């Protein structure tokens, strides 16, 4: 699955060992081209009802760690996302869209809370 992931929006691993590659066509809204948004809205909120407290969600940025946890059957499912494209984040930001949690988790990253102030 890892080698083919770049050609798809996301991959999904299940406790059973089954893996799927998934794509989504959300129409004209550019947010639906963002894998984190689709995962949040359609899978986490839609299927797992995470916004209703019906699922426990954890996050891991390292594919090898996720793969090991799934092999150890520590989770029911894992959603594997592609690295975010800076151009996509830029384009969506320029039209006033807010990114879902963890969309901008990439290296190098400015420290959280780092703020610029204009000094006069």
PDB file of N, CA and C in Angstrom:
ATOM      1  N   UNK A   1       0.825  -1.195   0.000  1.00  0.00           N
ATOM      2  CA  UNK A   1       0.000   0.000   0.000  1.00  0.00           C
ATOM      3  C   UNK A   1       0.864   1.253   0.000  1.00  0.00           C
ATOM      4  N   UNK A   2       1.959   1.256   0.739  1.00  0.00           N
ATOM      5  CA  UNK A   2       2.783   2.445   0.880  1.00  0.00           C
ATOM      6  C   UNK A   2       3.272   2.978  -0.468  1.00  0.00           C
ATOM      7  N   UNK A   3       3.695   2.109  -1.348  1.00  0.00           N
ATOM      8  CA  UNK A   3       4.209   2.530  -2.651  1.00  0.00           C
ATOM      9  C   UNK A   3       3.119   3.149  -3.522  1.00  0.00           C
ATOM     10  N   UNK A   4       1.885   2.715  -3.378  1.00  0.00           N
ATOM     11  CA  UNK A   4       0.787   3.206  -4.207  1.00  0.00           C
ATOM     12  C   UNK A   4       0.063   4.400  -3.599  1.00  0.00           C
ATOM     13  N   UNK A   5       0.341   4.725  -2.344  1.00  0.00           N
ATOM     14  CA  UNK A   5      -0.387   5.780  -1.642  1.00  0.00           C
ATOM     15  C   UNK A   5      -0.302   7.127  -2.345  1.00  0.00           C
ATOM     16  N   UNK A   6       0.851   7.461  -2.896  1.00  0.00           N
ATOM     17  CA  UNK A   6       1.020   8.773  -3.536  1.00  0.00           C
ATOM     18  C   UNK A   6       0.070   8.991  -4.711  1.00  0.00           C
ATOM     19  N   UNK A   7      -0.466   7.911  -5.263  1.00  0.00           N
ATOM     20  CA  UNK A   7      -1.397   8.016  -6.375  1.00  0.00           C
ATOM     21  C   UNK A   7      -2.858   8.084  -5.930  1.00  0.00           C
ATOM     22  N   UNK A   8      -3.083   8.099  -4.620  1.00  0.00           N
ATOM     23  CA  UNK A   8      -4.443   8.113  -4.066  1.00  0.00           C
ATOM     24  C   UNK A   8      -4.538   9.138  -2.949  1.00  0.00           C
ATOM     25  N   UNK A   9      -5.752   9.474  -2.561  1.00  0.00           N
ATOM     26  CA  UNK A   9      -5.960  10.454  -1.513  1.00  0.00           C
ATOM     27  C   UNK A   9      -5.511   9.934  -0.153  1.00  0.00           C
ATOM     28  N   UNK A  10      -5.813   8.662   0.141  1.00  0.00           N
ATOM     29  CA  UNK A  10      -5.456   8.113   1.447  1.00  0.00           C
ATOM     30  C   UNK A  10      -5.478   6.596   1.408  1.00  0.00           C
ATOM     31  N   UNK A  11      -4.901   6.009   2.428  1.00  0.00           N
ATOM     32  CA  UNK A  11      -4.970   4.573   2.621  1.00  0.00           C
ATOM     33  C   UNK A  11      -5.636   4.303   3.961  1.00  0.00           C
ATOM     34  N   UNK A  12      -6.281   3.170   4.065  1.00  0.00           N
ATOM     35  CA  UNK A  12      -6.920   2.792   5.322  1.00  0.00           C
ATOM     36  C   UNK A  12      -6.493   1.371   5.665  1.00  0.00           C
ATOM     37  N   UNK A  13      -5.954   1.197   6.880  1.00  0.00           N
ATOM     38  CA  UNK A  13      -5.561  -0.121   7.377  1.00  0.00           C
ATOM     39  C   UNK A  13      -6.573  -0.536   8.432  1.00  0.00           C
ATOM     40  N   UNK A  14      -6.946  -1.792   8.420  1.00  0.00           N
ATOM     41  CA  UNK A  14      -7.886  -2.308   9.411  1.00  0.00           C
ATOM     42  C   UNK A  14      -7.199  -3.332  10.305  1.00  0.00           C
ATOM     43  N   UNK A  15      -7.754  -3.535  11.475  1.00  0.00           N
ATOM     44  CA  UNK A  15      -7.226  -4.494  12.441  1.00  0.00           C
ATOM     45  C   UNK A  15      -7.056  -5.877  11.821  1.00  0.00           C
ATOM     46  N   UNK A  16      -7.936  -6.234  10.925  1.00  0.00           N
ATOM     47  CA  UNK A  16      -7.902  -7.548  10.279  1.00  0.00           C
ATOM     48  C   UNK A  16      -6.673  -7.727   9.388  1.00  0.00           C
ATOM     49  N   UNK A  17      -5.997  -6.605   9.072  1.00  0.00           N
ATOM     50  CA  UNK A  17      -4.854  -6.655   8.164  1.00  0.00           C
ATOM     51  C   UNK A  17      -5.200  -6.187   6.760  1.00  0.00           C
ATOM     52  N   UNK A  18      -6.486  -6.025   6.492  1.00  0.00           N
ATOM     53  CA  UNK A  18      -6.917  -5.556   5.176  1.00  0.00           C
ATOM     54  C   UNK A  18      -6.528  -4.082   5.012  1.00  0.00           C
ATOM     55  N   UNK A  19      -6.094  -3.727   3.811  1.00  0.00           N
ATOM     56  CA  UNK A  19      -5.721  -2.352   3.485  1.00  0.00           C
ATOM     57  C   UNK A  19      -6.472  -1.911   2.238  1.00  0.00           C
ATOM     58  N   UNK A  20      -6.903  -0.667   2.247  1.00  0.00           N
ATOM     59  CA  UNK A  20      -7.603  -0.092   1.093  1.00  0.00           C
ATOM     60  C   UNK A  20      -6.961   1.227   0.705  1.00  0.00           C
ATOM     61  N   UNK A  21      -7.003   1.529  -0.567  1.00  0.00           N
ATOM     62  CA  UNK A  21      -6.622   2.844  -1.059  1.00  0.00           C
ATOM     63  C   UNK A  21      -7.914   3.564  -1.424  1.00  0.00           C
ATOM     64  N   UNK A  22      -8.006   4.841  -1.094  1.00  0.00           N
ATOM     65  CA  UNK A  22      -9.270   5.547  -1.292  1.00  0.00           C
ATOM     66  C   UNK A  22      -9.055   6.910  -1.935  1.00  0.00           C
ATOM     67  N   UNK A  23     -10.033   7.315  -2.713  1.00  0.00           N
ATOM     68  CA  UNK A  23     -10.083   8.640  -3.322  1.00  0.00           C
ATOM     69  C   UNK A  23     -11.476   9.203  -3.067  1.00  0.00           C
ATOM     70  N   UNK A  24     -11.608  10.519  -3.199  1.00  0.00           N
ATOM     71  CA  UNK A  24     -12.907  11.149  -2.985  1.00  0.00           C
ATOM     72  C   UNK A  24     -13.040  12.330  -3.929  1.00  0.00           C
ATOM     73  N   UNK A  25     -14.184  12.442  -4.579  1.00  0.00           N
ATOM     74  CA  UNK A  25     -14.467  13.567  -5.451  1.00  0.00           C
ATOM     75  C   UNK A  25     -15.565  14.390  -4.794  1.00  0.00           C
ATOM     76  N   UNK A  26     -15.176  15.523  -4.231  1.00  0.00           N
ATOM     77  CA  UNK A  26     -16.120  16.348  -3.502  1.00  0.00           C
ATOM     78  C   UNK A  26     -16.725  17.475  -4.304  1.00  0.00           C
ATOM     79  N   UNK A  27     -16.521  17.462  -5.598  1.00  0.00           N
ATOM     80  CA  UNK A  27     -17.128  18.507  -6.423  1.00  0.00           C
ATOM     81  C   UNK A  27     -16.281  19.758  -6.485  1.00  0.00           C
ATOM     82  N   UNK A  28     -16.930  20.920  -6.456  1.00  0.00           N
ATOM     83  CA  UNK A  28     -16.251  22.190  -6.689  1.00  0.00           C
ATOM     84  C   UNK A  28     -15.552  22.786  -5.475  1.00  0.00           C
ATOM     85  N   UNK A  29     -15.917  22.384  -4.268  1.00  0.00           N
ATOM     86  CA  UNK A  29     -15.303  22.960  -3.067  1.00  0.00           C
ATOM     87  C   UNK A  29     -13.864  22.456  -2.948  1.00  0.00           C
ATOM     88  N   UNK A  30     -12.881  23.359  -2.981  1.00  0.00           N
ATOM     89  CA  UNK A  30     -11.480  22.932  -2.947  1.00  0.00           C
ATOM     90  C   UNK A  30     -11.076  22.228  -1.651  1.00  0.00           C
ATOM     91  N   UNK A  31     -11.832  22.393  -0.579  1.00  0.00           N
ATOM     92  CA  UNK A  31     -11.501  21.702   0.674  1.00  0.00           C
ATOM     93  C   UNK A  31     -11.557  20.186   0.505  1.00  0.00           C
ATOM     94  N   UNK A  32     -12.404  19.710  -0.410  1.00  0.00           N
ATOM     95  CA  UNK A  32     -12.542  18.269  -0.609  1.00  0.00           C
ATOM     96  C   UNK A  32     -11.366  17.654  -1.358  1.00  0.00           C
ATOM     97  N   UNK A  33     -10.402  18.487  -1.768  1.00  0.00           N
ATOM     98  CA  UNK A  33      -9.174  17.956  -2.364  1.00  0.00           C
ATOM     99  C   UNK A  33      -8.113  17.686  -1.300  1.00  0.00           C
ATOM    100  N   UNK A  34      -8.395  18.087  -0.084  1.00  0.00           N
ATOM    101  CA  UNK A  34      -7.455  17.946   1.036  1.00  0.00           C
ATOM    102  C   UNK A  34      -7.742  16.648   1.791  1.00  0.00           C
ATOM    103  N   UNK A  35      -6.786  15.741   1.797  1.00  0.00           N
ATOM    104  CA  UNK A  35      -7.011  14.430   2.411  1.00  0.00           C
ATOM    105  C   UNK A  35      -7.376  14.509   3.892  1.00  0.00           C
ATOM    106  N   UNK A  36      -6.768  15.451   4.622  1.00  0.00           N
ATOM    107  CA  UNK A  36      -7.097  15.572   6.047  1.00  0.00           C
ATOM    108  C   UNK A  36      -8.552  15.993   6.251  1.00  0.00           C
ATOM    109  N   UNK A  37      -9.061  16.851   5.376  1.00  0.00           N
ATOM    110  CA  UNK A  37     -10.445  17.302   5.486  1.00  0.00           C
ATOM    111  C   UNK A  37     -11.414  16.161   5.191  1.00  0.00           C
ATOM    112  N   UNK A  38     -11.135  15.401   4.142  1.00  0.00           N
ATOM    113  CA  UNK A  38     -11.989  14.260   3.792  1.00  0.00           C
ATOM    114  C   UNK A  38     -11.966  13.233   4.920  1.00  0.00           C
ATOM    115  N   UNK A  39     -10.781  12.937   5.450  1.00  0.00           N
ATOM    116  CA  UNK A  39     -10.667  11.969   6.553  1.00  0.00           C
ATOM    117  C   UNK A  39     -11.449  12.451   7.767  1.00  0.00           C
ATOM    118  N   UNK A  40     -11.320  13.738   8.090  1.00  0.00           N
ATOM    119  CA  UNK A  40     -12.029  14.303   9.241  1.00  0.00           C
ATOM    120  C   UNK A  40     -13.546  14.250   9.059  1.00  0.00           C
ATOM    121  N   UNK A  41     -14.023  14.756   7.935  1.00  0.00           N
ATOM    122  CA  UNK A  41     -15.463  14.900   7.727  1.00  0.00           C
ATOM    123  C   UNK A  41     -16.173  13.581   7.400  1.00  0.00           C
ATOM    124  N   UNK A  42     -15.585  12.781   6.530  1.00  0.00           N
ATOM    125  CA  UNK A  42     -16.267  11.566   6.064  1.00  0.00           C
ATOM    126  C   UNK A  42     -15.989  10.330   6.918  1.00  0.00           C
ATOM    127  N   UNK A  43     -14.770  10.217   7.442  1.00  0.00           N
ATOM    128  CA  UNK A  43     -14.441   9.010   8.193  1.00  0.00           C
ATOM    129  C   UNK A  43     -14.551   9.244   9.703  1.00  0.00           C
ATOM    130  N   UNK A  44     -13.793  10.203  10.231  1.00  0.00           N
ATOM    131  CA  UNK A  44     -13.788  10.403  11.678  1.00  0.00           C
ATOM    132  C   UNK A  44     -15.142  10.890  12.201  1.00  0.00           C
ATOM    133  N   UNK A  45     -15.687  11.932  11.587  1.00  0.00           N
ATOM    134  CA  UNK A  45     -16.997  12.438  12.022  1.00  0.00           C
ATOM    135  C   UNK A  45     -18.136  11.602  11.463  1.00  0.00           C
ATOM    136  N   UNK A  46     -18.025  11.181  10.209  1.00  0.00           N
ATOM    137  CA  UNK A  46     -19.104  10.464   9.543  1.00  0.00           C
ATOM    138  C   UNK A  46     -19.265   9.032  10.000  1.00  0.00           C
ATOM    139  N   UNK A  47     -18.222   8.233   9.868  1.00  0.00           N
ATOM    140  CA  UNK A  47     -18.305   6.810  10.184  1.00  0.00           C
ATOM    141  C   UNK A  47     -18.104   6.556  11.676  1.00  0.00           C
ATOM    142  N   UNK A  48     -17.022   7.127  12.231  1.00  0.00           N
ATOM    143  CA  UNK A  48     -16.667   6.824  13.621  1.00  0.00           C
ATOM    144  C   UNK A  48     -17.315   7.752  14.641  1.00  0.00           C
ATOM    145  N   UNK A  49     -18.005   8.789  14.188  1.00  0.00           N
ATOM    146  CA  UNK A  49     -18.721   9.716  15.076  1.00  0.00           C
ATOM    147  C   UNK A  49     -17.823  10.270  16.175  1.00  0.00           C
ATOM    148  N   UNK A  50     -16.585  10.612  15.811  1.00  0.00           N
ATOM    149  CA  UNK A  50     -15.627  11.108  16.797  1.00  0.00           C
ATOM    150  C   UNK A  50     -16.084  12.416  17.434  1.00  0.00           C
ATOM    151  N   UNK A  51     -16.839  13.223  16.705  1.00  0.00           N
ATOM    152  CA  UNK A  51     -17.317  14.485  17.265  1.00  0.00           C
ATOM    153  C   UNK A  51     -18.444  14.274  18.272  1.00  0.00           C
ATOM    154  N   UNK A  52     -18.978  13.063  18.360  1.00  0.00           N
ATOM    155  CA  UNK A  52     -20.023  12.730  19.317  1.00  0.00           C
ATOM    156  C   UNK A  52     -19.467  11.906  20.485  1.00  0.00           C
ATOM    157  N   UNK A  53     -18.152  11.752  20.536  1.00  0.00           N
ATOM    158  CA  UNK A  53     -17.525  10.996  21.613  1.00  0.00           C
ATOM    159  C   UNK A  53     -17.668   9.489  21.469  1.00  0.00           C
ATOM    160  N   UNK A  54     -17.951   9.003  20.263  1.00  0.00           N
ATOM    161  CA  UNK A  54     -18.171   7.570  20.054  1.00  0.00           C
ATOM    162  C   UNK A  54     -16.914   6.848  19.583  1.00  0.00           C
ATOM    163  N   UNK A  55     -15.791   7.567  19.501  1.00  0.00           N
ATOM    164  CA  UNK A  55     -14.546   6.940  19.067  1.00  0.00           C
ATOM    165  C   UNK A  55     -13.383   7.629  19.766  1.00  0.00           C
ATOM    166  N   UNK A  56     -12.328   6.889  19.972  1.00  0.00           N
ATOM    167  CA  UNK A  56     -11.101   7.446  20.514  1.00  0.00           C
ATOM    168  C   UNK A  56     -10.115   7.547  19.360  1.00  0.00           C
ATOM    169  N   UNK A  57      -9.583   8.728  19.164  1.00  0.00           N
ATOM    170  CA  UNK A  57      -8.698   8.994  18.040  1.00  0.00           C
ATOM    171  C   UNK A  57      -7.306   9.306  18.576  1.00  0.00           C
ATOM    172  N   UNK A  58      -6.298   8.717  17.972  1.00  0.00           N
ATOM    173  CA  UNK A  58      -4.924   9.081  18.302  1.00  0.00           C
ATOM    174  C   UNK A  58      -4.207   9.452  17.012  1.00  0.00           C
ATOM    175  N   UNK A  59      -3.047  10.072  17.142  1.00  0.00           N
ATOM    176  CA  UNK A  59      -2.329  10.583  15.984  1.00  0.00           C
ATOM    177  C   UNK A  59      -0.874  10.155  16.057  1.00  0.00           C
ATOM    178  N   UNK A  60      -0.331   9.773  14.948  1.00  0.00           N
ATOM    179  CA  UNK A  60       1.078   9.418  14.854  1.00  0.00           C
ATOM    180  C   UNK A  60       1.571   9.891  13.492  1.00  0.00           C
ATOM    181  N   UNK A  61       2.678  10.591  13.470  1.00  0.00           N
ATOM    182  CA  UNK A  61       3.196  11.150  12.226  1.00  0.00           C
ATOM    183  C   UNK A  61       4.131  10.209  11.479  1.00  0.00           C
ATOM    184  N   UNK A  62       4.480   9.087  12.064  1.00  0.00           N
ATOM    185  CA  UNK A  62       5.451   8.178  11.455  1.00  0.00           C
ATOM    186  C   UNK A  62       4.780   6.909  10.941  1.00  0.00           C
ATOM    187  N   UNK A  63       4.889   6.658   9.640  1.00  0.00           N
ATOM    188  CA  UNK A  63       4.243   5.506   9.021  1.00  0.00           C
ATOM    189  C   UNK A  63       4.689   4.192   9.654  1.00  0.00           C
ATOM    190  N   UNK A  64       5.981   4.026   9.898  1.00  0.00           N
ATOM    191  CA  UNK A  64       6.480   2.770  10.467  1.00  0.00           C
ATOM    192  C   UNK A  64       5.883   2.502  11.846  1.00  0.00           C
ATOM    193  N   UNK A  65       5.702   3.544  12.631  1.00  0.00           N
ATOM    194  CA  UNK A  65       5.099   3.409  13.955  1.00  0.00           C
ATOM    195  C   UNK A  65       3.632   2.978  13.844  1.00  0.00           C
ATOM    196  N   UNK A  66       2.911   3.589  12.912  1.00  0.00           N
ATOM    197  CA  UNK A  66       1.506   3.236  12.695  1.00  0.00           C
ATOM    198  C   UNK A  66       1.394   1.779  12.246  1.00  0.00           C
ATOM    199  N   UNK A  67       2.240   1.401  11.304  1.00  0.00           N
ATOM    200  CA  UNK A  67       2.230   0.031  10.795  1.00  0.00           C
ATOM    201  C   UNK A  67       2.480  -0.972  11.928  1.00  0.00           C
ATOM    202  N   UNK A  68       3.434  -0.677  12.799  1.00  0.00           N
ATOM    203  CA  UNK A  68       3.740  -1.558  13.940  1.00  0.00           C
ATOM    204  C   UNK A  68       2.546  -1.640  14.891  1.00  0.00           C
ATOM    205  N   UNK A  69       1.923  -0.508  15.183  1.00  0.00           N
ATOM    206  CA  UNK A  69       0.760  -0.506  16.078  1.00  0.00           C
ATOM    207  C   UNK A  69      -0.381  -1.320  15.492  1.00  0.00           C
ATOM    208  N   UNK A  70      -0.570  -1.230  14.183  1.00  0.00           N
ATOM    209  CA  UNK A  70      -1.635  -2.005  13.542  1.00  0.00           C
ATOM    210  C   UNK A  70      -1.295  -3.491  13.548  1.00  0.00           C
ATOM    211  N   UNK A  71      -0.029  -3.835  13.348  1.00  0.00           N
ATOM    212  CA  UNK A  71       0.379  -5.243  13.422  1.00  0.00           C
ATOM    213  C   UNK A  71       0.170  -5.798  14.829  1.00  0.00           C
ATOM    214  N   UNK A  72       0.342  -4.950  15.845  1.00  0.00           N
ATOM    215  CA  UNK A  72       0.130  -5.343  17.237  1.00  0.00           C
ATOM    216  C   UNK A  72      -1.343  -5.270  17.645  1.00  0.00           C
ATOM    217  N   UNK A  73      -2.210  -4.911  16.675  1.00  0.00           N
ATOM    218  CA  UNK A  73      -3.659  -4.818  16.870  1.00  0.00           C
ATOM    219  C   UNK A  73      -4.055  -3.857  18.007  1.00  0.00           C
ATOM    220  N   UNK A  74      -3.380  -2.710  18.045  1.00  0.00           N
ATOM    221  CA  UNK A  74      -3.662  -1.706  19.082  1.00  0.00           C
ATOM    222  C   UNK A  74      -4.829  -0.795  18.712  1.00  0.00           C
ATOM    223  N   UNK A  75      -5.231  -0.809  17.448  1.00  0.00           N
ATOM    224  CA  UNK A  75      -6.306   0.074  16.990  1.00  0.00           C
ATOM    225  C   UNK A  75      -7.217  -0.685  16.027  1.00  0.00           C
ATOM    226  N   UNK A  76      -8.436  -0.189  15.869  1.00  0.00           N
ATOM    227  CA  UNK A  76      -9.376  -0.803  14.922  1.00  0.00           C
ATOM    228  C   UNK A  76      -9.047  -0.441  13.484  1.00  0.00           C
ATOM    229  N   UNK A  77      -8.611   0.805  13.279  1.00  0.00           N
ATOM    230  CA  UNK A  77      -8.317   1.275  11.923  1.00  0.00           C
ATOM    231  C   UNK A  77      -7.283   2.385  11.982  1.00  0.00           C
ATOM    232  N   UNK A  78      -6.571   2.546  10.891  1.00  0.00           N
ATOM    233  CA  UNK A  78      -5.615   3.645  10.754  1.00  0.00           C
ATOM    234  C   UNK A  78      -5.832   4.283   9.390  1.00  0.00           C
ATOM    235  N   UNK A  79      -5.877   5.604   9.371  1.00  0.00           N
ATOM    236  CA  UNK A  79      -5.990   6.348   8.127  1.00  0.00           C
ATOM    237  C   UNK A  79      -4.598   6.879   7.811  1.00  0.00           C
ATOM    238  N   UNK A  80      -4.079   6.500   6.665  1.00  0.00           N
ATOM    239  CA  UNK A  80      -2.744   6.913   6.263  1.00  0.00           C
ATOM    240  C   UNK A  80      -2.888   8.011   5.214  1.00  0.00           C
ATOM    241  N   UNK A  81      -2.330   9.173   5.515  1.00  0.00           N
ATOM    242  CA  UNK A  81      -2.449  10.322   4.629  1.00  0.00           C
ATOM    243  C   UNK A  81      -1.113  10.629   3.969  1.00  0.00           C
ATOM    244  N   UNK A  82      -1.180  11.288   2.836  1.00  0.00           N
ATOM    245  CA  UNK A  82       0.030  11.731   2.145  1.00  0.00           C
ATOM    246  C   UNK A  82       0.590  12.974   2.831  1.00  0.00           C
ATOM    247  N   UNK A  83       1.865  13.251   2.587  1.00  0.00           N
ATOM    248  CA  UNK A  83       2.447  14.492   3.080  1.00  0.00           C
ATOM    249  C   UNK A  83       1.692  15.654   2.453  1.00  0.00           C
ATOM    250  N   UNK A  84       1.440  16.709   3.231  1.00  0.00           N
ATOM    251  CA  UNK A  84       0.708  17.846   2.659  1.00  0.00           C
ATOM    252  C   UNK A  84       1.559  18.579   1.643  1.00  0.00           C
ATOM    253  N   UNK A  85       0.918  19.032   0.600  1.00  0.00           N
ATOM    254  CA  UNK A  85       1.608  19.840  -0.408  1.00  0.00           C
ATOM    255  C   UNK A  85       1.497  21.301   0.015  1.00  0.00           C
ATOM    256  N   UNK A  86       2.621  21.967   0.108  1.00  0.00           N
ATOM    257  CA  UNK A  86       2.632  23.359   0.542  1.00  0.00           C
ATOM    258  C   UNK A  86       1.741  24.222  -0.347  1.00  0.00           C
ATOM    259  N   UNK A  87       1.728  23.945  -1.649  1.00  0.00           N
ATOM    260  CA  UNK A  87       0.914  24.739  -2.576  1.00  0.00           C
ATOM    261  C   UNK A  87      -0.575  24.608  -2.250  1.00  0.00           C
ATOM    262  N   UNK A  88      -1.024  23.405  -1.884  1.00  0.00           N
ATOM    263  CA  UNK A  88      -2.431  23.197  -1.525  1.00  0.00           C
ATOM    264  C   UNK A  88      -2.780  23.992  -0.273  1.00  0.00           C
ATOM    265  N   UNK A  89      -1.921  23.922   0.723  1.00  0.00           N
ATOM    266  CA  UNK A  89      -2.154  24.670   1.966  1.00  0.00           C
ATOM    267  C   UNK A  89      -2.185  26.167   1.673  1.00  0.00           C
ATOM    268  N   UNK A  90      -1.269  26.623   0.855  1.00  0.00           N
ATOM    269  CA  UNK A  90      -1.218  28.036   0.483  1.00  0.00           C
ATOM    270  C   UNK A  90      -2.495  28.455  -0.246  1.00  0.00           C
ATOM    271  N   UNK A  91      -2.889  27.681  -1.258  1.00  0.00           N
ATOM    272  CA  UNK A  91      -4.073  28.024  -2.057  1.00  0.00           C
ATOM    273  C   UNK A  91      -5.329  28.103  -1.190  1.00  0.00           C
ATOM    274  N   UNK A  92      -5.516  27.125  -0.308  1.00  0.00           N
ATOM    275  CA  UNK A  92      -6.702  27.128   0.544  1.00  0.00           C
ATOM    276  C   UNK A  92      -6.659  28.271   1.560  1.00  0.00           C
ATOM    277  N   UNK A  93      -5.489  28.564   2.075  1.00  0.00           N
ATOM    278  CA  UNK A  93      -5.340  29.673   3.021  1.00  0.00           C
ATOM    279  C   UNK A  93      -5.658  31.008   2.353  1.00  0.00           C
ATOM    280  N   UNK A  94      -5.260  31.154   1.106  1.00  0.00           N
ATOM    281  CA  UNK A  94      -5.482  32.414   0.386  1.00  0.00           C
ATOM    282  C   UNK A  94      -6.967  32.673   0.105  1.00  0.00           C
ATOM    283  N   UNK A  95      -7.805  31.638   0.146  1.00  0.00           N
ATOM    284  CA  UNK A  95      -9.243  31.865  -0.031  1.00  0.00           C
ATOM    285  C   UNK A  95      -9.977  31.788   1.312  1.00  0.00           C
ATOM    286  N   UNK A  96      -9.207  31.845   2.409  1.00  0.00           N
ATOM    287  CA  UNK A  96      -9.797  31.946   3.740  1.00  0.00           C
ATOM    288  C   UNK A  96     -10.244  30.637   4.370  1.00  0.00           C
ATOM    289  N   UNK A  97      -9.754  29.521   3.885  1.00  0.00           N
ATOM    290  CA  UNK A  97     -10.141  28.223   4.453  1.00  0.00           C
ATOM    291  C   UNK A  97      -9.204  27.861   5.597  1.00  0.00           C
ATOM    292  N   UNK A  98      -9.745  27.253   6.648  1.00  0.00           N
ATOM    293  CA  UNK A  98      -8.945  26.787   7.784  1.00  0.00           C
ATOM    294  C   UNK A  98      -8.648  25.308   7.617  1.00  0.00           C
ATOM    295  N   UNK A  99      -7.422  24.946   7.898  1.00  0.00           N
ATOM    296  CA  UNK A  99      -6.992  23.562   7.761  1.00  0.00           C
ATOM    297  C   UNK A  99      -7.456  22.734   8.957  1.00  0.00           C
ATOM    298  N   UNK A 100      -7.833  21.483   8.724  1.00  0.00           N
ATOM    299  CA  UNK A 100      -8.150  20.592   9.846  1.00  0.00           C
ATOM    300  C   UNK A 100      -6.900  20.338  10.679  1.00  0.00           C
ATOM    301  N   UNK A 101      -7.089  19.845  11.893  1.00  0.00           N
ATOM    302  CA  UNK A 101      -5.973  19.520  12.778  1.00  0.00           C
ATOM    303  C   UNK A 101      -4.991  18.605  12.067  1.00  0.00           C
ATOM    304  N   UNK A 102      -3.732  18.832  12.316  1.00  0.00           N
ATOM    305  CA  UNK A 102      -2.603  18.035  11.829  1.00  0.00           C
ATOM    306  C   UNK A 102      -2.308  18.189  10.340  1.00  0.00           C
ATOM    307  N   UNK A 103      -3.054  19.021   9.617  1.00  0.00           N
ATOM    308  CA  UNK A 103      -2.786  19.199   8.192  1.00  0.00           C
ATOM    309  C   UNK A 103      -1.395  19.758   7.968  1.00  0.00           C
ATOM    310  N   UNK A 104      -0.995  20.690   8.813  1.00  0.00           N
ATOM    311  CA  UNK A 104       0.281  21.359   8.604  1.00  0.00           C
ATOM    312  C   UNK A 104       1.397  20.747   9.449  1.00  0.00           C
ATOM    313  N   UNK A 105       1.247  19.491   9.847  1.00  0.00           N
ATOM    314  CA  UNK A 105       2.298  18.819  10.604  1.00  0.00           C
ATOM    315  C   UNK A 105       3.339  18.301   9.629  1.00  0.00           C
ATOM    316  N   UNK A 106       4.348  19.112   9.383  1.00  0.00           N
ATOM    317  CA  UNK A 106       5.445  18.692   8.529  1.00  0.00           C
ATOM    318  C   UNK A 106       6.712  19.370   9.011  1.00  0.00           C
ATOM    319  N   UNK A 107       7.841  18.879   8.573  1.00  0.00           N
ATOM    320  CA  UNK A 107       9.119  19.373   9.030  1.00  0.00           C
ATOM    321  C   UNK A 107       9.802  20.122   7.892  1.00  0.00           C
ATOM    322  N   UNK A 108      10.469  21.223   8.099  1.00  0.00           N
ATOM    323  CA  UNK A 108      10.627  21.879   9.395  1.00  0.00           C
ATOM    324  C   UNK A 108       9.391  22.699   9.742  1.00  0.00           C
ATOM    325  N   UNK A 109       9.106  22.810  10.994  1.00  0.00           N
ATOM    326  CA  UNK A 109       7.912  23.504  11.455  1.00  0.00           C
ATOM    327  C   UNK A 109       8.318  24.566  12.468  1.00  0.00           C
ATOM    328  N   UNK A 110       7.733  25.735  12.328  1.00  0.00           N
ATOM    329  CA  UNK A 110       7.976  26.794  13.307  1.00  0.00           C
ATOM    330  C   UNK A 110       7.349  26.358  14.625  1.00  0.00           C
ATOM    331  N   UNK A 111       7.998  26.679  15.719  1.00  0.00           N
ATOM    332  CA  UNK A 111       7.493  26.296  17.031  1.00  0.00           C
ATOM    333  C   UNK A 111       6.070  26.785  17.222  1.00  0.00           C
ATOM    334  N   UNK A 112       5.280  26.004  17.890  1.00  0.00           N
ATOM    335  CA  UNK A 112       3.889  26.365  18.169  1.00  0.00           C
ATOM    336  C   UNK A 112       3.849  27.649  18.992  1.00  0.00           C
ATOM    337  N   UNK A 113       2.977  28.550  18.614  1.00  0.00           N
ATOM    338  CA  UNK A 113       2.821  29.788  19.358  1.00  0.00           C
ATOM    339  C   UNK A 113       3.781  30.887  18.936  1.00  0.00           C
ATOM    340  N   UNK A 114       4.618  30.629  17.968  1.00  0.00           N
ATOM    341  CA  UNK A 114       5.563  31.631  17.496  1.00  0.00           C
ATOM    342  C   UNK A 114       4.781  32.713  16.762  1.00  0.00           C
ATOM    343  N   UNK A 115       4.923  33.953  17.185  1.00  0.00           N
ATOM    344  CA  UNK A 115       4.126  35.045  16.636  1.00  0.00           C
ATOM    345  C   UNK A 115       5.047  36.185  16.214  1.00  0.00           C
ATOM    346  N   UNK A 116       4.702  36.833  15.114  1.00  0.00           N
ATOM    347  CA  UNK A 116       5.442  38.007  14.667  1.00  0.00           C
ATOM    348  C   UNK A 116       4.662  39.258  15.063  1.00  0.00           C
ATOM    349  N   UNK A 117       5.366  40.239  15.590  1.00  0.00           N
ATOM    350  CA  UNK A 117       4.756  41.512  15.927  1.00  0.00           C
ATOM    351  C   UNK A 117       5.475  42.621  15.177  1.00  0.00           C
ATOM    352  N   UNK A 118       4.720  43.576  14.669  1.00  0.00           N
ATOM    353  CA  UNK A 118       5.294  44.734  14.031  1.00  0.00           C
ATOM    354  C   UNK A 118       5.737  45.690  15.138  1.00  0.00           C
ATOM    355  N   UNK A 119       7.006  46.017  15.153  1.00  0.00           N
ATOM    356  CA  UNK A 119       7.552  46.914  16.181  1.00  0.00           C
ATOM    357  C   UNK A 119       7.646  48.322  15.600  1.00  0.00           C
ATOM    358  N   UNK A 120       7.127  49.277  16.320  1.00  0.00           N
ATOM    359  CA  UNK A 120       7.174  50.673  15.839  1.00  0.00           C
ATOM    360  C   UNK A 120       7.965  51.518  16.776  1.00  0.00           C
TER     361      UNK A 120
END
